[in-house]
Amino acid sequence: MKLTHACILVGELAPMVAFYERVLQLEAKTAGNTYAEFRTPGATLSLFAASAHEELAPGSAEPAKNRSMELEFLVDDVDAEYERLSRIPELVWVKPPTTQPWGNRSFYFRDPEGNLLNFYSLV
């Protein structure tokens, strides 16, 4: 079994696409106005409009309500990424760069719908 991607069901697709394009420095591949994806070497992150998902599986999801999942991105230099992202005034910071007890250096922040992201480097 291989995890191929993670999908976030979103309330507002356009602002989320703009956010992730800026944060990940990747251009989204879109399919219509309800789906976008960001292909990375490890896996794909996709964004899918909750309104479109509702047609496929009614009542199964509610956007902007997640408080238990974290998306983690391995980066070359955590401190450089923190400096770059610090220029985004609307970013919601959770934790500044910190070296964790298990050896990773990481920082945490939220996307516009409250999903938790962790950028980390191996120390």
N, C-alpha and C. Protein backbone atom coordinates (compact mmCIF):
# COMPACT_ATOMS: atom_id res chain seq x y z
N MET A 1 0.84 -1.17 0.00
CA MET A 1 0.00 0.00 0.00
C MET A 1 0.89 1.24 0.00
N LYS A 2 0.47 2.26 -0.72
CA LYS A 2 1.24 3.50 -0.82
C LYS A 2 0.30 4.69 -0.72
N LEU A 3 0.58 5.60 0.19
CA LEU A 3 -0.20 6.83 0.29
C LEU A 3 0.22 7.71 -0.88
N THR A 4 -0.73 8.10 -1.72
CA THR A 4 -0.42 8.87 -2.92
C THR A 4 -0.70 10.35 -2.77
N HIS A 5 -1.72 10.69 -1.98
CA HIS A 5 -1.99 12.10 -1.76
C HIS A 5 -2.95 12.31 -0.60
N ALA A 6 -2.98 13.57 -0.18
CA ALA A 6 -3.93 14.00 0.84
C ALA A 6 -4.83 15.04 0.19
N CYS A 7 -6.09 15.01 0.54
CA CYS A 7 -7.06 15.94 -0.03
C CYS A 7 -7.73 16.72 1.10
N ILE A 8 -7.75 18.04 0.94
CA ILE A 8 -8.45 18.89 1.89
C ILE A 8 -9.75 19.34 1.23
N LEU A 9 -10.86 19.08 1.87
CA LEU A 9 -12.15 19.56 1.40
C LEU A 9 -12.29 20.99 1.90
N VAL A 10 -12.45 21.92 0.98
CA VAL A 10 -12.39 23.34 1.32
C VAL A 10 -13.71 24.05 1.08
N GLY A 11 -13.96 25.07 1.87
CA GLY A 11 -15.15 25.89 1.69
C GLY A 11 -14.99 26.86 0.54
N GLU A 12 -13.83 27.48 0.43
CA GLU A 12 -13.55 28.48 -0.61
C GLU A 12 -12.29 28.04 -1.35
N LEU A 13 -12.43 27.55 -2.55
CA LEU A 13 -11.29 27.00 -3.29
C LEU A 13 -10.27 28.07 -3.69
N ALA A 14 -10.71 29.16 -4.29
CA ALA A 14 -9.77 30.15 -4.85
C ALA A 14 -8.78 30.70 -3.82
N PRO A 15 -9.23 31.15 -2.64
CA PRO A 15 -8.24 31.65 -1.68
C PRO A 15 -7.30 30.57 -1.16
N MET A 16 -7.80 29.34 -1.06
CA MET A 16 -6.95 28.26 -0.60
C MET A 16 -5.88 27.92 -1.66
N VAL A 17 -6.26 27.93 -2.92
CA VAL A 17 -5.30 27.69 -4.00
C VAL A 17 -4.23 28.78 -3.97
N ALA A 18 -4.65 30.03 -3.87
CA ALA A 18 -3.69 31.14 -3.83
C ALA A 18 -2.74 31.00 -2.64
N PHE A 19 -3.26 30.61 -1.49
CA PHE A 19 -2.44 30.42 -0.30
C PHE A 19 -1.39 29.34 -0.54
N TYR A 20 -1.83 28.17 -0.98
CA TYR A 20 -0.90 27.05 -1.16
C TYR A 20 0.09 27.31 -2.29
N GLU A 21 -0.31 28.02 -3.33
CA GLU A 21 0.65 28.38 -4.38
C GLU A 21 1.76 29.25 -3.80
N ARG A 22 1.39 30.18 -2.96
CA ARG A 22 2.38 31.07 -2.35
C ARG A 22 3.26 30.33 -1.35
N VAL A 23 2.66 29.53 -0.50
CA VAL A 23 3.41 28.82 0.53
C VAL A 23 4.30 27.73 -0.05
N LEU A 24 3.76 26.93 -0.96
CA LEU A 24 4.52 25.81 -1.52
C LEU A 24 5.39 26.20 -2.71
N GLN A 25 5.18 27.41 -3.23
CA GLN A 25 5.90 27.87 -4.42
C GLN A 25 5.73 26.91 -5.58
N LEU A 26 4.50 26.42 -5.73
CA LEU A 26 4.11 25.52 -6.81
C LEU A 26 2.85 26.05 -7.47
N GLU A 27 2.72 25.84 -8.76
CA GLU A 27 1.50 26.22 -9.45
C GLU A 27 0.51 25.06 -9.37
N ALA A 28 -0.71 25.36 -9.01
CA ALA A 28 -1.74 24.33 -8.91
C ALA A 28 -2.14 23.84 -10.28
N LYS A 29 -2.38 22.55 -10.39
CA LYS A 29 -3.00 21.96 -11.57
C LYS A 29 -4.48 21.87 -11.24
N THR A 30 -5.32 22.50 -12.05
CA THR A 30 -6.74 22.55 -11.72
C THR A 30 -7.57 21.75 -12.70
N ALA A 31 -8.73 21.35 -12.22
CA ALA A 31 -9.74 20.68 -13.04
C ALA A 31 -11.05 21.39 -12.75
N GLY A 32 -11.43 22.27 -13.64
CA GLY A 32 -12.64 23.05 -13.42
C GLY A 32 -12.44 24.02 -12.27
N ASN A 33 -13.53 24.42 -11.66
CA ASN A 33 -13.44 25.38 -10.55
C ASN A 33 -13.73 24.73 -9.20
N THR A 34 -13.58 23.39 -9.14
CA THR A 34 -13.84 22.69 -7.88
C THR A 34 -12.66 21.88 -7.37
N TYR A 35 -11.57 21.76 -8.15
CA TYR A 35 -10.46 20.88 -7.77
C TYR A 35 -9.13 21.48 -8.19
N ALA A 36 -8.13 21.34 -7.31
CA ALA A 36 -6.77 21.75 -7.62
C ALA A 36 -5.82 20.79 -6.91
N GLU A 37 -4.65 20.62 -7.51
CA GLU A 37 -3.67 19.77 -6.84
C GLU A 37 -2.26 20.33 -7.01
N PHE A 38 -1.45 19.99 -6.02
CA PHE A 38 -0.05 20.39 -5.97
C PHE A 38 0.78 19.11 -5.93
N ARG A 39 1.52 18.84 -6.98
CA ARG A 39 2.32 17.62 -7.07
C ARG A 39 3.71 17.89 -6.50
N THR A 40 4.07 17.10 -5.50
CA THR A 40 5.40 17.20 -4.91
C THR A 40 6.10 15.86 -5.15
N PRO A 41 7.40 15.79 -4.96
CA PRO A 41 8.09 14.52 -5.20
C PRO A 41 7.57 13.35 -4.34
N GLY A 42 7.07 13.64 -3.14
CA GLY A 42 6.62 12.56 -2.26
C GLY A 42 5.17 12.16 -2.44
N ALA A 43 4.31 13.13 -2.66
CA ALA A 43 2.88 12.87 -2.77
C ALA A 43 2.21 14.12 -3.33
N THR A 44 0.92 14.02 -3.55
CA THR A 44 0.15 15.15 -4.07
C THR A 44 -0.79 15.66 -2.99
N LEU A 45 -0.85 16.97 -2.88
CA LEU A 45 -1.83 17.61 -2.01
C LEU A 45 -2.93 18.14 -2.91
N SER A 46 -4.16 17.74 -2.66
CA SER A 46 -5.26 18.23 -3.48
C SER A 46 -6.25 19.02 -2.61
N LEU A 47 -6.91 19.96 -3.27
CA LEU A 47 -7.96 20.76 -2.65
C LEU A 47 -9.22 20.51 -3.46
N PHE A 48 -10.30 20.19 -2.79
CA PHE A 48 -11.55 19.86 -3.47
C PHE A 48 -12.67 20.64 -2.79
N ALA A 49 -13.45 21.34 -3.59
CA ALA A 49 -14.54 22.13 -3.05
C ALA A 49 -15.53 21.23 -2.31
N ALA A 50 -15.81 21.57 -1.06
CA ALA A 50 -16.74 20.77 -0.26
C ALA A 50 -18.11 20.70 -0.91
N SER A 51 -18.51 21.76 -1.60
CA SER A 51 -19.82 21.74 -2.28
C SER A 51 -19.88 20.66 -3.35
N ALA A 52 -18.78 20.44 -4.06
CA ALA A 52 -18.73 19.38 -5.07
C ALA A 52 -18.66 18.01 -4.40
N HIS A 53 -17.92 17.93 -3.30
CA HIS A 53 -17.82 16.66 -2.57
C HIS A 53 -19.18 16.28 -2.00
N GLU A 54 -19.96 17.25 -1.61
CA GLU A 54 -21.29 17.00 -1.05
C GLU A 54 -22.16 16.23 -2.02
N GLU A 55 -22.00 16.50 -3.30
CA GLU A 55 -22.77 15.78 -4.32
C GLU A 55 -22.36 14.31 -4.40
N LEU A 56 -21.10 14.01 -4.09
CA LEU A 56 -20.59 12.64 -4.16
C LEU A 56 -20.87 11.83 -2.91
N ALA A 57 -20.78 12.48 -1.76
CA ALA A 57 -20.96 11.79 -0.48
C ALA A 57 -21.66 12.74 0.49
N PRO A 58 -22.96 12.91 0.33
CA PRO A 58 -23.71 13.88 1.14
C PRO A 58 -23.49 13.70 2.65
N GLY A 59 -23.24 14.84 3.31
CA GLY A 59 -23.12 14.85 4.76
C GLY A 59 -21.84 14.26 5.32
N SER A 60 -20.87 13.94 4.47
CA SER A 60 -19.67 13.25 4.95
C SER A 60 -18.54 14.17 5.40
N ALA A 61 -18.61 15.45 5.06
CA ALA A 61 -17.49 16.34 5.40
C ALA A 61 -17.99 17.75 5.70
N GLU A 62 -17.18 18.46 6.47
CA GLU A 62 -17.49 19.84 6.81
C GLU A 62 -16.18 20.62 6.75
N PRO A 63 -16.04 21.55 5.81
CA PRO A 63 -14.77 22.27 5.68
C PRO A 63 -14.49 23.18 6.86
N ALA A 64 -13.20 23.47 7.02
CA ALA A 64 -12.71 24.41 8.04
C ALA A 64 -13.04 23.97 9.46
N LYS A 65 -13.16 22.68 9.70
CA LYS A 65 -13.47 22.18 11.04
C LYS A 65 -12.39 21.25 11.59
N ASN A 66 -11.33 21.02 10.81
CA ASN A 66 -10.30 20.08 11.23
C ASN A 66 -9.43 20.68 12.32
N ARG A 67 -9.26 19.94 13.39
CA ARG A 67 -8.35 20.34 14.46
C ARG A 67 -7.53 19.13 14.91
N SER A 68 -7.42 18.11 14.05
CA SER A 68 -6.74 16.90 14.50
C SER A 68 -5.75 16.33 13.47
N MET A 69 -5.62 16.93 12.31
CA MET A 69 -4.70 16.43 11.31
C MET A 69 -3.65 17.50 11.01
N GLU A 70 -2.46 17.05 10.65
CA GLU A 70 -1.36 17.96 10.36
C GLU A 70 -0.72 17.54 9.04
N LEU A 71 -0.49 18.50 8.16
CA LEU A 71 0.26 18.25 6.92
C LEU A 71 1.70 18.60 7.18
N GLU A 72 2.61 17.67 6.86
CA GLU A 72 4.02 17.90 7.13
C GLU A 72 4.81 17.95 5.82
N PHE A 73 5.67 18.95 5.71
CA PHE A 73 6.48 19.15 4.52
C PHE A 73 7.95 19.19 4.92
N LEU A 74 8.75 18.29 4.37
CA LEU A 74 10.19 18.29 4.57
C LEU A 74 10.79 19.37 3.69
N VAL A 75 11.54 20.29 4.29
CA VAL A 75 12.17 21.40 3.56
C VAL A 75 13.68 21.36 3.82
N ASP A 76 14.43 21.98 2.94
CA ASP A 76 15.89 21.98 3.09
C ASP A 76 16.35 22.81 4.28
N ASP A 77 15.73 23.96 4.49
CA ASP A 77 16.18 24.89 5.53
C ASP A 77 14.97 25.52 6.21
N VAL A 78 14.65 25.04 7.38
CA VAL A 78 13.48 25.52 8.11
C VAL A 78 13.57 27.02 8.39
N ASP A 79 14.72 27.47 8.81
CA ASP A 79 14.85 28.89 9.17
C ASP A 79 14.69 29.79 7.95
N ALA A 80 15.20 29.38 6.80
CA ALA A 80 15.02 30.16 5.57
C ALA A 80 13.55 30.17 5.16
N GLU A 81 12.86 29.04 5.30
CA GLU A 81 11.43 28.99 4.97
C GLU A 81 10.62 29.85 5.92
N TYR A 82 10.99 29.83 7.19
CA TYR A 82 10.29 30.67 8.17
C TYR A 82 10.46 32.15 7.82
N GLU A 83 11.67 32.52 7.46
CA GLU A 83 11.95 33.90 7.06
C GLU A 83 11.12 34.29 5.83
N ARG A 84 11.07 33.40 4.85
CA ARG A 84 10.29 33.67 3.62
C ARG A 84 8.81 33.83 3.94
N LEU A 85 8.27 32.91 4.72
CA LEU A 85 6.84 32.94 5.03
C LEU A 85 6.47 34.04 6.01
N SER A 86 7.43 34.53 6.78
CA SER A 86 7.17 35.64 7.71
C SER A 86 6.74 36.90 6.97
N ARG A 87 6.97 36.96 5.69
CA ARG A 87 6.57 38.13 4.89
C ARG A 87 5.09 38.09 4.51
N ILE A 88 4.40 37.02 4.86
CA ILE A 88 2.96 36.90 4.57
C ILE A 88 2.22 37.36 5.83
N PRO A 89 1.71 38.58 5.83
CA PRO A 89 1.15 39.14 7.07
C PRO A 89 -0.07 38.38 7.60
N GLU A 90 -0.85 37.76 6.73
CA GLU A 90 -2.06 37.09 7.19
C GLU A 90 -1.83 35.67 7.69
N LEU A 91 -0.59 35.21 7.66
CA LEU A 91 -0.29 33.86 8.11
C LEU A 91 -0.56 33.73 9.61
N VAL A 92 -1.19 32.65 10.00
CA VAL A 92 -1.50 32.39 11.41
C VAL A 92 -0.43 31.43 11.94
N TRP A 93 0.45 31.96 12.77
CA TRP A 93 1.54 31.16 13.32
C TRP A 93 1.08 30.38 14.53
N VAL A 94 1.57 29.15 14.66
CA VAL A 94 1.27 28.31 15.82
C VAL A 94 2.51 28.15 16.68
N LYS A 95 3.67 27.92 16.04
CA LYS A 95 4.91 27.72 16.80
C LYS A 95 6.09 28.15 15.93
N PRO A 96 7.00 28.95 16.47
CA PRO A 96 8.17 29.39 15.70
C PRO A 96 9.16 28.23 15.52
N PRO A 97 10.19 28.43 14.71
CA PRO A 97 11.18 27.36 14.53
C PRO A 97 11.75 26.89 15.87
N THR A 98 11.69 25.59 16.04
CA THR A 98 12.13 24.97 17.28
C THR A 98 12.76 23.62 16.94
N THR A 99 13.84 23.28 17.62
CA THR A 99 14.42 21.96 17.45
C THR A 99 13.69 21.02 18.42
N GLN A 100 13.04 20.01 17.84
CA GLN A 100 12.22 19.09 18.62
C GLN A 100 13.10 18.07 19.36
N PRO A 101 12.60 17.44 20.42
CA PRO A 101 13.37 16.45 21.18
C PRO A 101 13.85 15.28 20.31
N TRP A 102 13.13 14.96 19.24
CA TRP A 102 13.51 13.84 18.37
C TRP A 102 14.47 14.26 17.26
N GLY A 103 14.85 15.55 17.25
CA GLY A 103 15.90 15.99 16.34
C GLY A 103 15.47 16.82 15.15
N ASN A 104 14.20 16.84 14.79
CA ASN A 104 13.76 17.69 13.68
C ASN A 104 13.69 19.14 14.13
N ARG A 105 13.94 20.04 13.20
CA ARG A 105 13.71 21.46 13.45
C ARG A 105 12.48 21.82 12.64
N SER A 106 11.49 22.45 13.29
CA SER A 106 10.23 22.68 12.59
C SER A 106 9.53 23.93 13.09
N PHE A 107 8.54 24.37 12.29
CA PHE A 107 7.61 25.41 12.71
C PHE A 107 6.23 25.05 12.22
N TYR A 108 5.22 25.59 12.91
CA TYR A 108 3.83 25.26 12.63
C TYR A 108 3.04 26.53 12.31
N PHE A 109 2.11 26.39 11.38
CA PHE A 109 1.22 27.50 11.04
C PHE A 109 -0.08 26.92 10.47
N ARG A 110 -1.07 27.79 10.24
CA ARG A 110 -2.37 27.34 9.75
C ARG A 110 -2.66 27.94 8.38
N ASP A 111 -3.41 27.17 7.58
CA ASP A 111 -3.88 27.71 6.31
C ASP A 111 -5.14 28.55 6.57
N PRO A 112 -5.70 29.20 5.55
CA PRO A 112 -6.85 30.10 5.78
C PRO A 112 -8.09 29.42 6.37
N GLU A 113 -8.20 28.09 6.25
CA GLU A 113 -9.36 27.40 6.82
C GLU A 113 -9.00 26.66 8.10
N GLY A 114 -7.82 26.95 8.66
CA GLY A 114 -7.45 26.43 9.97
C GLY A 114 -6.69 25.12 9.99
N ASN A 115 -6.37 24.54 8.84
CA ASN A 115 -5.61 23.29 8.81
C ASN A 115 -4.18 23.55 9.26
N LEU A 116 -3.62 22.63 10.03
CA LEU A 116 -2.30 22.78 10.60
C LEU A 116 -1.23 22.27 9.64
N LEU A 117 -0.18 23.08 9.42
CA LEU A 117 0.95 22.70 8.59
C LEU A 117 2.22 22.73 9.42
N ASN A 118 3.11 21.80 9.12
CA ASN A 118 4.41 21.71 9.78
C ASN A 118 5.47 21.68 8.69
N PHE A 119 6.36 22.65 8.68
CA PHE A 119 7.53 22.63 7.81
C PHE A 119 8.68 22.19 8.70
N TYR A 120 9.43 21.16 8.27
CA TYR A 120 10.51 20.66 9.12
C TYR A 120 11.73 20.28 8.30
N SER A 121 12.87 20.25 8.97
CA SER A 121 14.14 19.78 8.40
C SER A 121 14.74 18.79 9.39
N LEU A 122 15.52 17.88 8.84
CA LEU A 122 16.26 16.94 9.68
C LEU A 122 17.53 17.64 10.15
N VAL A 123 17.81 17.56 11.43
CA VAL A 123 18.99 18.22 11.99
C VAL A 123 20.13 17.23 12.06
